[in-house]
Protein backbone atom coordinates (compact mmCIF):
# COMPACT_ATOMS: atom_id res chain seq x y z
CA MET A 1 -0.05 0.08 0.00
CA ASN A 2 1.39 3.36 -1.05
CA LEU A 3 0.34 5.76 1.86
CA SER A 4 1.64 8.80 0.37
CA ASP A 5 -0.29 8.36 -3.02
CA LEU A 6 -3.55 7.79 -0.82
CA GLU A 7 -2.84 10.99 0.92
CA GLN A 8 -2.43 12.85 -2.32
CA VAL A 9 -5.56 11.64 -3.67
CA ALA A 10 -7.41 12.64 -0.12
CA ARG A 11 -6.01 16.04 -0.35
CA ALA A 12 -6.81 16.44 -3.98
CA MET A 13 -10.44 15.66 -3.37
CA VAL A 14 -10.66 18.47 -0.61
CA VAL A 15 -8.67 20.96 -2.49
CA LYS A 16 -9.49 24.61 -1.61
CA GLY A 17 -12.76 26.02 -3.31
CA LYS A 18 -13.69 22.73 -4.82
CA GLY A 19 -16.07 19.80 -3.68
CA LEU A 20 -17.49 16.46 -4.91
CA LEU A 21 -20.68 15.75 -6.86
CA ALA A 22 -22.39 12.72 -5.65
CA ALA A 23 -23.94 11.18 -8.71
CA ASP A 24 -24.17 7.77 -7.43
CA GLU A 25 -27.82 7.28 -7.10
CA SER A 26 -28.83 3.46 -6.98
CA SER A 27 -31.34 2.68 -9.71
CA SER A 28 -34.19 2.69 -7.36
CA THR A 29 -33.07 6.25 -6.06
CA ILE A 30 -32.62 7.53 -9.55
CA LYS A 31 -36.10 6.24 -10.69
CA LYS A 32 -37.83 8.30 -7.82
CA ARG A 33 -35.96 11.50 -9.37
CA PHE A 34 -37.13 10.89 -12.60
CA ASP A 35 -40.66 10.07 -11.48
CA GLY A 36 -40.60 13.70 -10.11
CA ILE A 37 -40.06 14.92 -13.95
CA LYS A 38 -42.26 12.18 -15.23
CA LEU A 39 -39.28 10.53 -17.19
CA ASP A 40 -38.86 6.63 -17.63
CA SER A 41 -35.66 5.57 -15.85
CA THR A 42 -34.26 3.75 -18.87
CA GLU A 43 -30.32 3.06 -19.21
CA GLU A 44 -30.15 5.81 -21.97
CA HIS A 45 -32.11 8.60 -19.87
CA ARG A 46 -29.96 7.87 -16.93
CA ARG A 47 -26.58 8.17 -19.25
CA THR A 48 -27.96 11.23 -20.82
CA TYR A 49 -28.60 12.92 -17.36
CA ARG A 50 -25.21 12.06 -16.07
CA ASP A 51 -23.63 13.15 -19.14
CA MET A 52 -25.09 16.40 -19.01
CA LEU A 53 -23.96 16.79 -15.36
CA LEU A 54 -20.40 15.30 -15.95
CA THR A 55 -19.66 17.16 -19.20
CA ALA A 56 -20.96 20.71 -18.21
CA PRO A 57 -18.25 23.07 -19.38
CA GLY A 58 -16.02 24.31 -16.71
CA ALA A 59 -17.53 22.48 -13.75
CA GLN A 60 -13.80 21.33 -12.90
CA GLU A 61 -13.41 24.84 -11.47
CA TRP A 62 -15.69 23.96 -8.56
CA VAL A 63 -15.70 20.13 -8.70
CA SER A 64 -12.64 17.91 -7.69
CA GLY A 65 -14.26 14.64 -7.98
CA VAL A 66 -17.55 12.82 -8.80
CA ILE A 67 -18.90 9.52 -7.32
CA LEU A 68 -20.21 7.26 -9.93
CA TYR A 69 -22.64 4.28 -9.81
CA ASP A 70 -21.53 0.94 -11.03
CA GLU A 71 -23.90 1.40 -14.13
CA THR A 72 -22.36 4.97 -14.81
CA ILE A 73 -18.59 3.96 -14.62
CA ARG A 74 -19.27 1.60 -17.32
CA GLN A 75 -20.97 4.11 -19.57
CA LYS A 76 -19.68 6.51 -22.13
CA THR A 77 -20.27 10.38 -22.92
CA SER A 78 -22.24 11.28 -26.03
CA ALA A 79 -18.67 11.61 -27.70
CA GLY A 80 -18.11 7.92 -26.85
CA VAL A 81 -15.44 8.56 -24.08
CA ASN A 82 -15.98 6.41 -20.82
CA PHE A 83 -17.10 8.63 -18.10
CA ALA A 84 -14.05 7.91 -15.75
CA GLU A 85 -11.61 8.61 -18.72
CA TYR A 86 -13.45 11.75 -19.60
CA LEU A 87 -13.28 13.16 -15.91
CA LYS A 88 -9.48 12.27 -15.71
CA SER A 89 -9.00 14.08 -18.85
CA ILE A 90 -10.36 17.30 -17.25
CA GLY A 91 -8.68 16.97 -14.02
CA VAL A 92 -11.76 15.65 -11.91
CA LEU A 93 -11.04 12.38 -9.84
CA PRO A 94 -13.59 9.47 -10.60
CA GLY A 95 -15.09 7.84 -7.59
CA ILE A 96 -17.47 4.87 -7.03
CA LYS A 97 -20.25 3.95 -4.65
CA VAL A 98 -19.45 0.30 -3.17
CA ASP A 99 -21.76 -0.51 -0.90
CA LEU A 100 -25.15 -2.24 -1.53
CA GLY A 101 -27.44 -0.37 0.60
CA ALA A 102 -28.82 -0.30 4.01
CA LYS A 103 -30.95 -3.28 4.86
CA ALA A 104 -33.16 -4.04 7.94
CA PHE A 105 -30.79 -5.08 10.71
CA ALA A 106 -32.08 -8.39 12.20
CA ASN A 107 -33.39 -8.23 15.76
CA PHE A 108 -33.05 -4.39 15.66
CA PRO A 109 -36.45 -2.97 14.81
CA GLY A 110 -36.28 0.30 12.95
CA GLU A 111 -32.55 0.17 12.43
CA THR A 112 -30.54 -0.89 9.48
CA ILE A 113 -27.09 -2.28 8.62
CA THR A 114 -25.27 -1.57 5.28
CA GLU A 115 -24.32 -4.65 3.26
CA GLY A 116 -21.80 -5.26 0.59
CA LEU A 117 -18.50 -6.65 2.42
CA ASP A 118 -18.74 -9.88 0.72
CA GLY A 119 -16.59 -9.84 -2.49
CA LEU A 120 -15.69 -6.29 -1.94
CA ARG A 121 -11.98 -6.72 -2.22
CA GLU A 122 -12.34 -8.13 -5.84
CA ARG A 123 -14.90 -5.27 -6.76
CA LEU A 124 -12.40 -2.72 -5.59
CA GLN A 125 -9.72 -4.48 -7.93
CA GLU A 126 -12.04 -4.06 -10.87
CA TYR A 127 -13.13 -0.43 -10.02
CA TYR A 128 -9.37 0.52 -9.88
CA LYS A 129 -8.98 -1.10 -13.33
CA LEU A 130 -12.21 1.06 -14.44
CA GLY A 131 -10.27 4.14 -13.19
CA ALA A 132 -11.88 4.68 -9.73
CA ARG A 133 -9.37 6.31 -7.40
CA PHE A 134 -11.82 6.82 -4.38
CA ALA A 135 -14.82 5.05 -3.07
CA LYS A 136 -17.90 5.70 -0.98
CA TRP A 137 -19.77 3.54 1.89
CA ARG A 138 -22.84 4.99 3.49
CA ALA A 139 -23.90 3.75 6.90
CA VAL A 140 -27.64 4.98 7.90
CA ILE A 141 -28.21 6.05 11.68
CA ASP A 142 -31.88 6.84 12.26
CA ILE A 143 -33.14 8.98 15.28
CA GLY A 144 -36.45 7.65 16.68
CA GLN A 145 -38.12 6.39 20.10
CA ASP A 146 -35.35 4.15 21.53
CA ILE A 147 -33.24 4.23 18.65
CA PRO A 148 -30.41 4.35 17.66
CA THR A 149 -28.94 1.34 19.88
CA SER A 150 -25.31 1.53 20.73
CA TYR A 151 -24.95 -1.78 18.91
CA ALA A 152 -26.45 -0.79 15.54
CA ILE A 153 -23.97 2.21 15.66
CA GLU A 154 -20.99 0.07 16.35
CA ALA A 155 -22.12 -2.76 13.57
CA ASN A 156 -22.37 0.03 11.15
CA ALA A 157 -18.94 1.59 12.06
CA GLN A 158 -17.31 -1.62 12.05
CA ALA A 159 -18.57 -2.24 8.51
CA LEU A 160 -17.30 1.18 7.83
CA ALA A 161 -13.86 0.44 8.97
CA ARG A 162 -13.74 -2.76 7.19
CA TYR A 163 -14.63 -1.15 4.03
CA ALA A 164 -12.01 1.76 4.43
CA ALA A 165 -9.03 -0.89 5.23
CA LEU A 166 -10.16 -2.90 2.03
CA CYS A 167 -10.20 0.49 0.24
CA GLN A 168 -6.69 1.25 1.18
CA GLU A 169 -5.23 -1.89 0.77
CA GLN A 170 -6.28 -1.55 -3.08
CA GLN A 171 -5.04 2.04 -3.26
CA ILE A 172 -8.45 3.59 -3.14
CA VAL A 173 -9.29 6.37 -0.99
CA PRO A 174 -12.29 5.70 1.25
CA ILE A 175 -15.04 8.16 1.86
CA VAL A 176 -16.39 6.98 5.17
CA GLU A 177 -19.99 8.21 5.47
CA PRO A 178 -21.93 7.68 8.58
CA GLU A 179 -25.31 9.66 8.14
CA VAL A 180 -27.51 10.34 11.02
CA LEU A 181 -30.71 11.03 9.34
CA MET A 182 -32.59 14.43 9.80
CA ASP A 183 -35.89 12.60 9.27
CA GLY A 184 -38.09 13.00 12.41
CA ASP A 185 -39.15 15.69 14.91
CA HIS A 186 -35.93 15.64 17.09
CA SER A 187 -34.21 18.57 18.35
CA ILE A 188 -30.66 19.78 17.29
CA ASP A 189 -29.49 18.63 20.74
CA ARG A 190 -30.74 15.02 20.15
CA CYS A 191 -29.06 15.07 16.77
CA GLU A 192 -25.53 16.38 18.51
CA ALA A 193 -25.86 13.71 20.95
CA VAL A 194 -26.37 11.03 18.49
CA THR A 195 -23.58 12.20 16.01
CA ASN A 196 -21.12 12.44 18.82
CA GLU A 197 -21.52 9.02 19.64
CA THR A 198 -21.47 8.03 15.98
CA LEU A 199 -18.44 9.70 15.09
CA GLN A 200 -16.72 8.62 18.25
CA THR A 201 -17.44 4.76 17.60
CA VAL A 202 -16.58 5.36 14.04
CA PHE A 203 -12.96 6.69 14.63
CA ASP A 204 -12.66 3.98 17.43
CA GLN A 205 -13.14 1.17 14.75
CA LEU A 206 -10.96 3.06 12.08
CA TYR A 207 -8.32 3.07 14.66
CA LYS A 208 -8.82 -0.72 15.50
CA HIS A 209 -8.68 -1.54 11.98
CA ARG A 210 -5.39 0.43 11.38
CA VAL A 211 -7.00 2.76 8.79
CA TYR A 212 -4.58 5.33 7.57
CA LEU A 213 -6.36 8.48 8.39
CA GLU A 214 -4.41 10.87 6.15
CA GLY A 215 -5.82 8.78 3.14
CA MET A 216 -9.42 9.09 3.87
CA ILE A 217 -12.15 11.60 3.68
CA LEU A 218 -15.07 11.73 6.20
CA LYS A 219 -18.71 12.46 4.94
CA PRO A 220 -20.84 13.23 7.82
CA ASN A 221 -24.15 14.95 8.32
CA MET A 222 -24.35 18.40 9.73
CA VAL A 223 -25.94 18.56 13.08
CA ILE A 224 -29.15 19.79 12.53
CA SER A 225 -32.89 19.78 13.76
CA GLY A 226 -35.03 17.06 12.26
CA LYS A 227 -37.04 18.08 9.47
CA GLN A 228 -40.41 17.91 11.58
CA ALA A 229 -39.10 19.45 14.59
CA ALA A 230 -41.42 22.39 15.96
CA ASN A 231 -38.65 24.86 16.58
CA ARG A 232 -35.83 24.27 14.13
CA ALA A 233 -32.45 25.61 14.99
CA THR A 234 -31.17 28.63 12.96
CA PRO A 235 -28.39 28.35 10.42
CA GLU A 236 -25.82 29.83 12.82
CA GLN A 237 -26.73 27.31 15.46
CA VAL A 238 -26.37 24.46 13.01
CA ALA A 239 -22.91 25.74 12.13
CA GLN A 240 -21.54 26.10 15.69
CA ALA A 241 -23.18 22.75 16.76
CA THR A 242 -21.58 20.77 13.80
CA VAL A 243 -18.04 22.57 14.30
CA ARG A 244 -18.27 21.57 18.11
CA CYS A 245 -19.03 18.05 17.37
CA LEU A 246 -16.55 17.66 14.54
CA LYS A 247 -13.66 19.26 16.83
CA ARG A 248 -14.51 16.58 19.73
CA HIS A 249 -14.20 13.59 17.32
CA VAL A 250 -12.44 14.01 14.18
CA PRO A 251 -8.72 13.74 14.42
CA SER A 252 -6.94 16.55 12.75
CA ALA A 253 -4.76 14.00 10.66
CA VAL A 254 -8.00 13.72 8.43
CA PRO A 255 -7.24 15.82 5.46
CA GLY A 256 -10.93 16.79 4.65
CA ILE A 257 -14.54 16.76 5.70
CA ALA A 258 -17.05 16.53 2.76
CA PHE A 259 -20.54 16.84 3.94
CA LEU A 260 -23.63 15.19 2.69
CA SER A 261 -26.87 17.33 2.16
CA GLY A 262 -29.09 14.76 3.67
CA GLY A 263 -32.47 16.14 2.46
CA GLN A 264 -31.61 19.85 3.25
CA ALA A 265 -32.97 22.20 0.64
CA SER A 266 -30.14 23.42 -1.91
CA ALA A 267 -29.75 26.98 -0.65
CA GLU A 268 -29.67 25.62 2.99
CA ALA A 269 -27.09 22.95 2.52
CA THR A 270 -24.89 25.94 0.80
CA LEU A 271 -25.44 28.41 3.49
CA HIS A 272 -24.80 25.96 6.33
CA LEU A 273 -21.54 25.00 4.65
CA SER A 274 -20.51 28.59 4.20
CA LEU A 275 -21.16 29.47 7.90
CA ILE A 276 -19.11 26.69 9.18
CA ASN A 277 -16.25 27.95 7.09
CA GLN A 278 -16.67 31.28 8.32
CA ILE A 279 -15.98 30.12 11.84
CA GLY A 280 -12.56 29.32 10.65
CA GLY A 281 -9.50 27.74 12.52
CA LEU A 282 -10.65 24.10 11.43
CA PRO A 283 -7.83 21.73 11.22
CA TRP A 284 -9.28 20.05 8.32
CA HIS A 285 -10.47 21.39 4.53
CA VAL A 286 -14.48 21.35 4.97
CA THR A 287 -16.26 20.98 1.64
CA PHE A 288 -19.35 19.41 0.14
CA SER A 289 -20.28 15.94 -1.19
CA TYR A 290 -23.85 16.81 -2.30
CA GLY A 291 -26.14 14.87 -4.54
CA ARG A 292 -29.65 16.37 -4.47
CA ALA A 293 -28.61 19.82 -3.45
CA LEU A 294 -26.33 20.04 -6.35
CA GLN A 295 -28.54 18.38 -8.85
CA ASP A 296 -32.20 19.35 -7.87
CA ALA A 297 -32.32 22.42 -9.95
CA ALA A 298 -30.49 20.98 -13.03
CA LEU A 299 -32.81 18.01 -13.03
CA LYS A 300 -35.97 20.02 -13.08
CA ALA A 301 -34.67 22.48 -15.79
CA TRP A 302 -33.67 19.68 -18.11
CA GLY A 303 -36.75 17.59 -17.34
CA GLY A 304 -35.71 14.76 -19.86
CA LYS A 305 -35.83 17.11 -22.78
CA ALA A 306 -32.99 17.53 -25.25
CA ALA A 307 -33.61 21.07 -25.88
CA ALA A 308 -33.21 21.88 -22.15
CA TYR A 309 -29.81 20.09 -22.01
CA GLY A 310 -27.90 23.41 -21.76
CA VAL A 311 -30.33 24.92 -19.28
CA GLY A 312 -29.97 21.85 -17.03
CA GLN A 313 -25.92 22.56 -17.33
CA LYS A 314 -26.30 26.12 -16.48
CA GLU A 315 -28.36 25.29 -13.42
CA TYR A 316 -25.66 22.71 -12.27
CA LEU A 317 -22.82 25.15 -12.68
CA LYS A 318 -24.63 27.73 -10.70
CA ARG A 319 -24.86 25.57 -7.78
CA ALA A 320 -21.42 23.91 -8.17
CA ARG A 321 -20.06 27.51 -8.12
CA LEU A 322 -22.14 28.81 -5.05
CA ASN A 323 -20.96 25.72 -3.25
CA GLY A 324 -17.50 26.28 -4.31
CA LEU A 325 -17.54 29.70 -2.71
CA ALA A 326 -19.27 28.30 0.32
CA THR A 327 -16.07 26.17 1.04
CA THR A 328 -13.99 29.31 1.75
CA GLY A 329 -16.91 31.17 3.44
CA ARG A 330 -17.77 33.60 0.70
CA TYR A 331 -21.11 32.49 0.03
CA THR A 332 -24.03 34.58 1.23
CA SER A 333 -27.97 34.02 0.73
CA ASP A 334 -28.23 37.36 -1.64
CA LEU A 335 -26.04 35.52 -4.23
CA GLU A 336 -28.69 33.03 -5.17
CA ASN A 337 -30.60 36.01 -6.98
CA LYS A 338 -27.29 37.49 -8.36
CA ALA A 339 -26.36 33.89 -9.72
CA ALA A 340 -29.56 33.62 -11.65
């Protein structure tokens, strides 16, 4: 294992002013997104949509890497170039989602465990040949009555650590994603308590599995009120609670933190990221790894129509640029209208 190569890739993923596009929706998730614009989820429609995002002119100014799905890493641009090859040619790192989804955790009602460790070593070897230089695995921690249990957190943390160790063995940088969901009516304090326990357990397992911290990226949730909470915390409170939580549990050896958007509205996710970076004095580069928060406006603008392909790209570039500004704390809400 070449540690300095892993570190180099990890640092390139979180370089100042740029972040990651999560374009790794599973077939069932992208079908839901396409249902929203009344478009059939055919392989060609999925390819065209990803092509629109990945080939948007100048996106590499704000995007350092793209997380692809198994189908997408095998597909080509409209010009016939393999997506991973194309991304590499414009200086963007290709990545790959390798987990097989969160499934019901036996004997733990309401909780899930992420599957996909069986055969992972061989899949990583193939993905490396296909051009992937980083990977992603998402663990899902739900907040509800009597959940999460400490054991469900531990089991998911252990799977994340085993995945991370296998990635590094194959010269692939792991994105470690423990997502505490914002579904529900819980307070920001409850989210902070669960995120504290989750991150502490994850880093404990990463240490036990001898994962090289300098060669990984953390993709956590922000500390935020549940979507259905009566009195939701202000953006400033979200930024303060998130930084407090990360400083407690994330070693400074980790090169970067790339937040998931987790169901936040696009502008909300951008504002929170900017406020976190305005706090300053952070030991890691703090950026975005957004799916919906980068794609929503682009998907709606495109609507599956060939004539609106360029309009979709413009919407994607606008969000990429605003999030790029947020990585250095230079985004403010009034830029939304100016950018339009």
